[in-house]
Protein backbone atom coordinates (compact mmCIF):
# COMPACT_ATOMS: atom_id res chain seq x y z
CA MET A 1 15.57 -11.75 -27.04
CA SER A 2 17.87 -13.72 -24.78
CA ASP A 3 21.25 -13.22 -23.27
CA ALA A 4 23.41 -16.21 -22.40
CA ASN A 5 25.37 -14.04 -19.99
CA ILE A 6 22.33 -13.57 -17.70
CA VAL A 7 22.30 -15.85 -14.69
CA ILE A 8 19.47 -15.77 -12.17
CA GLU A 9 20.31 -16.93 -8.68
CA PRO A 10 18.03 -17.52 -5.69
CA VAL A 11 18.60 -15.29 -2.69
CA GLU A 12 19.65 -17.09 0.46
CA GLY A 13 20.26 -15.96 4.02
CA LYS A 14 20.65 -12.58 5.66
CA GLN A 15 23.41 -11.38 3.33
CA GLY A 16 21.43 -12.41 0.28
CA ARG A 17 18.37 -10.52 1.45
CA ALA A 18 20.49 -7.45 2.16
CA ALA A 19 21.89 -7.62 -1.38
CA PHE A 20 18.32 -7.96 -2.72
CA VAL A 21 17.17 -4.85 -0.80
CA ASP A 22 20.24 -2.80 -1.69
CA LEU A 23 19.86 -3.63 -5.38
CA GLY A 24 16.29 -2.32 -5.25
CA ARG A 25 17.52 0.84 -3.57
CA GLN A 26 20.06 1.34 -6.37
CA PHE A 27 17.32 1.11 -8.99
CA ALA A 28 15.08 3.48 -7.03
CA ALA A 29 17.89 6.03 -6.75
CA ARG A 30 17.94 6.35 -10.55
CA GLU A 31 14.37 7.67 -10.61
CA GLU A 32 14.04 11.43 -10.19
CA HIS A 33 10.93 11.35 -8.00
CA SER A 34 11.57 8.16 -6.06
CA ILE A 35 11.88 8.45 -2.27
CA PRO A 36 14.50 6.32 -0.42
CA GLN A 37 12.67 4.33 2.23
CA LEU A 38 14.20 3.28 5.54
CA ARG A 39 16.61 0.47 4.77
CA SER A 40 15.93 -1.17 8.12
CA GLU A 41 12.20 -1.33 7.31
CA GLN A 42 12.89 -2.77 3.86
CA LEU A 43 15.11 -5.46 5.35
CA GLU A 44 12.39 -6.36 7.83
CA LEU A 45 9.79 -6.78 5.10
CA VAL A 46 11.84 -9.53 3.40
CA ASP A 47 12.88 -11.27 6.64
CA PRO A 48 10.83 -14.42 7.43
CA ASP A 49 11.61 -13.99 11.13
CA LYS A 50 10.25 -10.41 11.27
CA ASN A 51 7.43 -10.12 8.74
CA PRO A 52 4.32 -12.13 9.75
CA PHE A 53 3.30 -12.34 6.08
CA PHE A 54 5.69 -15.29 5.83
CA GLY A 55 3.48 -17.14 8.34
CA HIS A 56 0.97 -17.79 5.54
CA ALA A 57 3.16 -17.46 2.44
CA THR A 58 5.89 -19.22 0.48
CA VAL A 59 8.38 -16.80 -1.07
CA GLY A 60 11.31 -17.01 -3.45
CA PHE A 61 13.68 -14.08 -4.03
CA PHE A 62 15.93 -13.90 -7.11
CA ILE A 63 18.72 -11.66 -8.40
CA ALA A 64 19.76 -11.53 -12.06
CA TYR A 65 23.47 -11.21 -12.90
CA ARG A 66 25.12 -10.34 -16.20
CA ASP A 67 28.82 -11.13 -16.25
CA SER A 68 28.67 -11.36 -12.42
CA ARG A 69 27.11 -7.88 -12.10
CA PRO A 70 23.63 -7.62 -10.51
CA VAL A 71 21.19 -6.24 -13.11
CA GLY A 72 17.74 -7.04 -11.74
CA ARG A 73 15.63 -8.69 -9.09
CA ILE A 74 12.22 -10.27 -8.56
CA ALA A 75 10.19 -12.07 -5.92
CA ALA A 76 7.78 -14.93 -6.64
CA HIS A 77 5.36 -15.81 -3.87
CA ILE A 78 2.25 -17.71 -2.92
CA ASP A 79 -0.08 -16.29 -0.28
CA HIS A 80 -1.86 -19.39 1.03
CA LEU A 81 -4.68 -17.31 2.50
CA ALA A 82 -5.29 -15.81 -0.95
CA LEU A 83 -5.64 -19.30 -2.41
CA GLU A 84 -8.66 -19.88 -0.18
CA LEU A 85 -10.58 -16.85 -1.48
CA PRO A 86 -13.16 -16.79 -4.30
CA GLY A 87 -11.57 -16.40 -7.71
CA GLU A 88 -13.93 -13.57 -8.64
CA GLN A 89 -12.26 -11.46 -5.93
CA GLY A 90 -8.98 -11.44 -7.80
CA MET A 91 -7.05 -14.14 -5.97
CA GLY A 92 -8.32 -17.69 -5.46
CA PRO A 93 -7.03 -21.22 -6.18
CA GLY A 94 -3.94 -21.43 -8.35
CA THR A 95 -2.98 -17.75 -8.03
CA GLY A 96 0.69 -16.97 -7.49
CA MET A 97 2.28 -13.54 -7.47
CA PHE A 98 5.41 -11.63 -8.38
CA GLY A 99 6.79 -8.45 -6.88
CA TYR A 100 9.94 -6.46 -6.08
CA PHE A 101 10.48 -6.24 -9.83
CA ASP A 102 13.47 -4.26 -11.11
CA ALA A 103 15.45 -4.75 -14.30
CA GLU A 104 18.22 -2.98 -16.17
CA ASP A 105 16.74 -3.69 -19.61
CA GLU A 106 14.01 -5.59 -21.38
CA THR A 107 16.07 -8.76 -21.74
CA VAL A 108 16.74 -8.91 -18.01
CA ALA A 109 13.08 -8.18 -17.31
CA GLY A 110 11.98 -11.06 -19.52
CA ALA A 111 14.41 -13.46 -17.89
CA LEU A 112 13.26 -12.51 -14.40
CA LEU A 113 9.57 -12.84 -15.22
CA THR A 114 10.23 -16.22 -16.83
CA ARG A 115 12.08 -17.40 -13.71
CA ALA A 116 9.24 -16.27 -11.45
CA GLU A 117 6.74 -18.04 -13.68
CA GLU A 118 8.80 -21.24 -13.56
CA TRP A 119 9.00 -21.06 -9.76
CA LEU A 120 5.23 -20.71 -9.51
CA ARG A 121 4.60 -23.47 -12.07
CA GLU A 122 6.80 -25.82 -10.07
CA ARG A 123 4.41 -25.22 -7.16
CA ARG A 124 1.35 -25.94 -9.33
CA MET A 125 0.14 -22.38 -9.72
CA THR A 126 -1.96 -21.72 -12.83
CA ARG A 127 -2.09 -17.92 -12.77
CA MET A 128 0.43 -15.18 -12.03
CA ILE A 129 -0.47 -11.65 -10.93
CA GLY A 130 1.61 -8.68 -9.90
CA PRO A 131 3.54 -6.73 -9.07
CA ILE A 132 2.54 -7.11 -5.43
CA SER A 133 5.40 -6.65 -2.95
CA LEU A 134 4.77 -8.81 -0.93
CA SER A 135 1.35 -8.51 0.66
CA ILE A 136 -1.60 -6.74 -0.93
CA TRP A 137 -1.40 -4.47 2.17
CA GLU A 138 2.23 -3.47 1.56
CA GLU A 139 2.98 -2.24 -1.98
CA PRO A 140 0.58 -3.40 -4.69
CA GLY A 141 0.69 -2.38 -8.32
CA LEU A 142 3.03 -0.80 -10.84
CA LEU A 143 2.96 2.97 -11.28
CA VAL A 144 1.59 3.70 -14.77
CA LYS A 145 0.47 7.34 -14.37
CA GLY A 146 1.87 10.07 -12.14
CA HIS A 147 5.60 9.70 -12.73
CA ASP A 148 6.12 13.48 -12.59
CA HIS A 149 5.89 13.75 -8.79
CA SER A 150 6.94 11.80 -5.70
CA PRO A 151 4.64 9.33 -3.98
CA MET A 152 3.30 9.74 -0.48
CA ILE A 153 4.10 7.40 2.38
CA MET A 154 3.75 3.66 1.67
CA MET A 155 3.21 4.06 -2.09
CA GLY A 156 5.60 2.85 -4.75
CA HIS A 157 7.31 4.64 -7.63
CA HIS A 158 8.48 2.76 -10.74
CA PRO A 159 9.99 3.61 -14.13
CA ALA A 160 7.42 4.15 -16.88
CA HIS A 161 9.02 1.57 -19.19
CA TYR A 162 8.44 -1.34 -16.82
CA ALA A 163 4.81 -1.57 -17.98
CA GLY A 164 5.83 -2.29 -21.58
CA TRP A 165 8.34 -4.91 -20.52
CA ILE A 166 5.74 -6.73 -18.44
CA GLU A 167 3.13 -6.57 -21.22
CA LYS A 168 5.60 -7.97 -23.78
CA LYS A 169 5.84 -11.11 -21.63
CA GLY A 170 2.15 -11.80 -22.17
CA PHE A 171 0.69 -10.03 -19.14
CA THR A 172 -2.55 -8.07 -19.39
CA GLU A 173 -3.89 -5.52 -16.93
CA THR A 174 -6.44 -6.96 -14.52
CA LYS A 175 -6.96 -4.13 -12.04
CA ARG A 176 -6.10 -0.46 -11.59
CA LEU A 177 -5.58 1.30 -8.27
CA LEU A 178 -6.12 5.06 -7.99
CA THR A 179 -4.93 7.78 -5.63
CA TYR A 180 -6.70 11.13 -5.34
CA ASP A 181 -5.12 14.47 -4.50
CA LEU A 182 -6.97 17.35 -2.85
CA ASP A 183 -6.41 20.79 -1.38
CA ILE A 184 -7.42 20.62 2.29
CA THR A 185 -6.91 24.27 3.19
CA SER A 186 -10.46 25.29 2.31
CA GLY A 187 -13.77 23.72 3.20
CA PHE A 188 -15.55 21.14 1.12
CA PRO A 189 -18.54 21.92 -1.16
CA LYS A 190 -21.79 23.05 0.46
CA LEU A 191 -23.43 19.67 -0.11
CA VAL A 192 -20.73 17.98 1.98
CA GLN A 193 -20.99 20.69 4.64
CA ARG A 194 -24.74 20.07 4.94
CA ILE A 195 -24.23 16.31 5.23
CA VAL A 196 -21.58 16.78 7.94
CA ALA A 197 -23.70 19.30 9.86
CA SER A 198 -26.66 16.93 9.79
CA GLY A 199 -24.54 14.13 11.20
CA GLU A 200 -23.13 16.36 13.92
CA ARG A 201 -26.69 17.05 15.08
CA ASN A 202 -27.48 13.33 15.24
CA GLU A 203 -27.03 12.20 18.86
CA ARG A 204 -26.63 8.57 17.76
CA ILE A 205 -23.42 9.38 15.86
CA ARG A 206 -20.07 10.09 17.50
CA ILE A 207 -16.84 10.77 15.62
CA ARG A 208 -13.93 10.37 18.01
CA PRO A 209 -10.13 10.26 17.83
CA ILE A 210 -8.27 7.02 18.40
CA GLU A 211 -7.31 6.75 22.06
CA MET A 212 -3.57 6.12 22.31
CA LYS A 213 -3.81 4.98 25.93
CA ARG A 214 -5.82 2.04 24.62
CA TRP A 215 -3.79 1.64 21.44
CA ASP A 216 -3.65 -2.16 21.32
CA GLU A 217 -7.41 -2.36 21.74
CA GLU A 218 -8.09 0.48 19.32
CA ILE A 219 -5.98 -0.93 16.49
CA ARG A 220 -7.85 -4.19 16.82
CA VAL A 221 -11.14 -2.35 16.51
CA VAL A 222 -9.85 -0.63 13.37
CA LEU A 223 -8.45 -3.75 11.69
CA HIS A 224 -11.44 -5.92 12.53
CA ILE A 225 -13.71 -3.29 10.92
CA LEU A 226 -11.30 -3.34 7.96
CA ASN A 227 -11.47 -7.13 7.65
CA ASP A 228 -15.25 -6.92 7.54
CA ALA A 229 -15.55 -3.79 5.38
CA TRP A 230 -13.12 -4.95 2.70
CA SER A 231 -14.05 -8.65 2.70
CA GLY A 232 -15.89 -8.44 -0.63
CA ASN A 233 -13.27 -6.29 -2.39
CA TRP A 234 -11.00 -7.39 -5.20
CA GLY A 235 -7.64 -8.58 -3.86
CA PHE A 236 -8.76 -8.68 -0.24
CA VAL A 237 -6.74 -10.94 2.06
CA PRO A 238 -7.67 -10.75 5.76
CA PHE A 239 -5.21 -9.58 8.39
CA THR A 240 -4.15 -12.41 10.68
CA GLU A 241 -3.82 -11.89 14.42
CA ALA A 242 -0.03 -11.92 14.05
CA GLU A 243 -0.25 -9.23 11.37
CA ILE A 244 -2.55 -7.13 13.56
CA ASP A 245 -0.03 -7.35 16.41
CA HIS A 246 2.77 -6.42 14.03
CA ALA A 247 0.83 -3.50 12.54
CA ALA A 248 0.02 -2.21 16.03
CA LYS A 249 3.71 -2.10 16.92
CA LYS A 250 4.93 -0.61 13.64
CA MET A 251 2.26 2.05 13.19
CA LYS A 252 2.05 3.45 16.71
CA PRO A 253 4.99 5.92 16.37
CA ILE A 254 3.43 7.68 13.37
CA ILE A 255 -0.19 7.74 14.54
CA LYS A 256 -1.56 11.16 15.51
CA PRO A 257 -4.86 10.70 17.39
CA ARG A 258 -6.64 13.74 15.94
CA LEU A 259 -5.87 12.47 12.43
CA ASN A 260 -7.34 8.99 12.98
CA MET A 261 -11.03 8.66 13.68
CA ILE A 262 -13.48 5.97 14.72
CA ALA A 263 -17.18 6.51 14.02
CA GLU A 264 -19.63 5.10 16.54
CA LEU A 265 -23.34 4.51 16.13
CA ASP A 266 -25.19 4.20 19.45
CA GLY A 267 -21.78 3.63 21.09
CA ARG A 268 -20.74 0.85 18.69
CA PRO A 269 -17.68 1.31 16.43
CA VAL A 270 -18.93 0.96 12.86
CA ALA A 271 -16.39 2.85 10.74
CA PHE A 272 -12.87 4.27 10.82
CA MET A 273 -10.52 6.46 8.85
CA MET A 274 -6.75 6.26 9.16
CA VAL A 275 -4.52 9.16 8.12
CA LEU A 276 -0.73 9.20 8.10
CA PRO A 277 1.47 12.31 7.84
CA ASP A 278 3.66 11.99 4.77
CA MET A 279 7.09 10.96 5.99
CA ASN A 280 8.62 10.81 2.54
CA GLU A 281 10.09 14.32 2.46
CA THR A 282 12.01 13.58 5.66
CA LEU A 283 13.12 10.19 4.33
CA LYS A 284 14.47 11.98 1.27
CA LYS A 285 16.59 14.24 3.50
CA VAL A 286 18.12 11.30 5.39
CA ASN A 287 18.41 9.11 2.26
CA GLY A 288 16.47 6.32 3.96
CA ARG A 289 19.07 5.74 6.67
CA LEU A 290 18.78 6.28 10.41
CA PHE A 291 22.52 6.56 11.03
CA PRO A 292 24.54 8.55 11.69
CA PHE A 293 22.09 11.49 11.94
CA GLY A 294 18.90 10.32 10.22
CA TRP A 295 17.30 9.26 13.50
CA PHE A 296 17.53 12.85 14.81
CA HIS A 297 15.67 14.33 11.83
CA LEU A 298 13.11 11.55 11.89
CA LEU A 299 12.35 11.82 15.61
CA ARG A 300 12.05 15.60 15.39
CA TRP A 301 9.63 15.23 12.49
CA LEU A 302 7.58 12.57 14.27
CA ARG A 303 7.00 14.85 17.24
CA LYS A 304 5.47 17.61 15.12
CA PRO A 305 5.15 16.94 11.35
CA MET A 306 4.46 20.58 10.49
CA GLY A 307 3.38 21.23 6.93
CA ALA A 308 3.23 17.54 6.10
CA GLY A 309 0.87 16.26 3.47
CA MET A 310 -1.68 13.78 4.75
CA ARG A 311 -2.50 10.41 3.22
CA VAL A 312 -5.62 8.32 3.83
CA PRO A 313 -4.38 4.75 3.25
CA LEU A 314 -7.32 2.96 4.87
CA MET A 315 -10.93 3.56 5.72
CA GLY A 316 -13.93 1.31 6.08
CA VAL A 317 -17.54 0.98 7.13
CA LEU A 318 -19.02 -2.29 8.40
CA ARG A 319 -20.67 -4.18 5.54
CA GLU A 320 -24.11 -4.06 7.13
CA PHE A 321 -24.11 -0.28 6.66
CA GLN A 322 -22.54 -0.13 3.21
CA ASN A 323 -24.62 1.12 0.29
CA SER A 324 -26.58 3.29 2.69
CA ARG A 325 -26.77 7.05 3.22
CA LEU A 326 -25.25 6.51 6.68
CA ALA A 327 -22.05 5.06 5.20
CA SER A 328 -21.35 8.11 3.05
CA GLN A 329 -22.34 10.46 5.88
CA LEU A 330 -19.88 8.83 8.27
CA ALA A 331 -17.16 9.03 5.61
CA PHE A 332 -17.75 12.72 4.97
CA MET A 333 -17.84 13.44 8.71
CA MET A 334 -14.53 11.70 9.36
CA ILE A 335 -12.89 13.35 6.35
CA GLU A 336 -14.04 16.81 7.46
CA HIS A 337 -13.04 16.37 11.12
CA ILE A 338 -9.60 15.16 10.10
CA ARG A 339 -9.23 17.93 7.52
CA ARG A 340 -9.90 20.57 10.16
CA ASN A 341 -7.40 19.00 12.57
CA ALA A 342 -4.67 18.56 9.95
CA VAL A 343 -4.87 22.23 9.02
CA ALA A 344 -5.17 23.50 12.60
CA ASP A 345 -2.57 21.23 14.21
CA TYR A 346 0.04 20.84 11.48
CA GLY A 347 -0.59 23.55 8.91
CA SER A 348 -1.17 20.90 6.25
CA LYS A 349 -2.21 21.95 2.77
CA ARG A 350 -2.50 18.74 0.80
CA GLY A 351 -4.20 15.41 1.24
CA GLU A 352 -4.19 12.16 -0.70
CA ILE A 353 -6.79 9.39 -0.63
CA GLY A 354 -5.87 5.94 -1.84
CA TRP A 355 -5.37 3.55 -3.10
CA ILE A 356 -8.94 3.05 -4.38
CA LEU A 357 -9.99 0.26 -6.72
CA ASP A 358 -11.06 1.61 -10.10
CA ASP A 359 -14.43 -0.15 -9.77
CA ASN A 360 -15.15 0.99 -6.19
CA LYS A 361 -18.05 3.24 -7.14
CA GLY A 362 -18.82 4.28 -3.57
CA MET A 363 -15.33 5.54 -2.75
CA ILE A 364 -14.90 7.14 -6.18
CA ALA A 365 -18.17 9.00 -5.63
CA ILE A 366 -16.92 10.29 -2.28
CA ALA A 367 -13.60 11.35 -3.83
CA ASP A 368 -15.42 13.16 -6.63
CA THR A 369 -17.85 14.87 -4.24
CA ILE A 370 -15.03 16.44 -2.20
CA GLU A 371 -13.52 17.61 -5.52
CA SER A 372 -10.32 15.57 -5.35
CA LYS A 373 -8.51 14.61 -8.56
CA ILE A 374 -6.71 11.43 -9.63
CA ASN A 375 -2.96 12.02 -9.38
CA ARG A 376 -1.46 8.52 -9.59
CA GLU A 377 -2.54 5.19 -11.08
CA TYR A 378 -1.12 1.73 -10.42
CA ALA A 379 -1.75 -1.36 -12.54
CA ILE A 380 -1.81 -5.00 -11.52
CA TYR A 381 -1.21 -7.51 -14.30
CA GLU A 382 -2.09 -11.15 -14.79
CA LYS A 383 -1.03 -14.06 -16.97
CA ALA A 384 -2.12 -17.68 -17.21
CA ILE A 385 0.63 -20.16 -16.37
CA SER A 386 0.75 -23.12 -18.74
CA PRO A 387 1.23 -26.50 -17.11
CA ALA A 388 4.67 -28.09 -17.12
């Protein structure tokens, strides 16, 4: 199908980016369980002067119009660091991406995906994957299961019919990302309790909270472990120093020390687990805007996020210890210490782990052992780009 009345225009300048963000917010508002994110944060993510991702990426933003009315949007982008990675890890030479995909109907969706493909072909890309908006560390994947409830912090929510529209344009699923839900009010199974107790008796192991007085140093420890731990994973793109600095600044206000742990072996940091209180319920109350009164609710929540669900977005163990009993023991110890603190300090009842790659057997085994259940699934699609 085609529609001669559809015109796709590139986004230019500050006003164009604002229109791009606001159009996405309009689409999100139509979904029952979508959570309005902070508009200021969304604007920053698409601003080349504020998001360090643009330091190693080329990005094109597009809005589709029908009879002068905006009816969809898409981003096409090339992460130049991803081009340098082995192809078997999901990225590699010739791989371009699309993201920020929204469309009013199938015809608009097809036109937008075609325009993104053309943009990538013009830059000699041979493969297109997505949706990834924009970095693999920001919002990867399209929600394909779990539409009946709202996402936790930093996870996307998309209409169920988008998957069919993408597939009809010749895309096939290449990877699935999973999130796991668990009740954290009661202890874990006896097997996990024994593993944790054994580790707590081991004088070589120390599980400690992140030290906020040394935040800049601590976040570097965490992200350098992450770069090592995840380096063999599908879709991995390393954090640059600029991105580490940016992450340190942006994450500090929502970090609670007793919810974020570093594991040391003989005094050496070898693993970490990061947990974020779920801000989404508060964002829903303020409709994603700080003014005129949203800042008050947000600051009050940040001081003491009572009853908040807890999400584990990142964890890692240095590669030299992976596939060992120590790796799983450290993971269980950090999970249990954080679980206790979340319940005691904030009265939390629910936790979520993810995303986890669907072929990450180690993490899936840990999630299964603590009796968590898959609650949301995200798909990443791919398509070969034919030469011009």
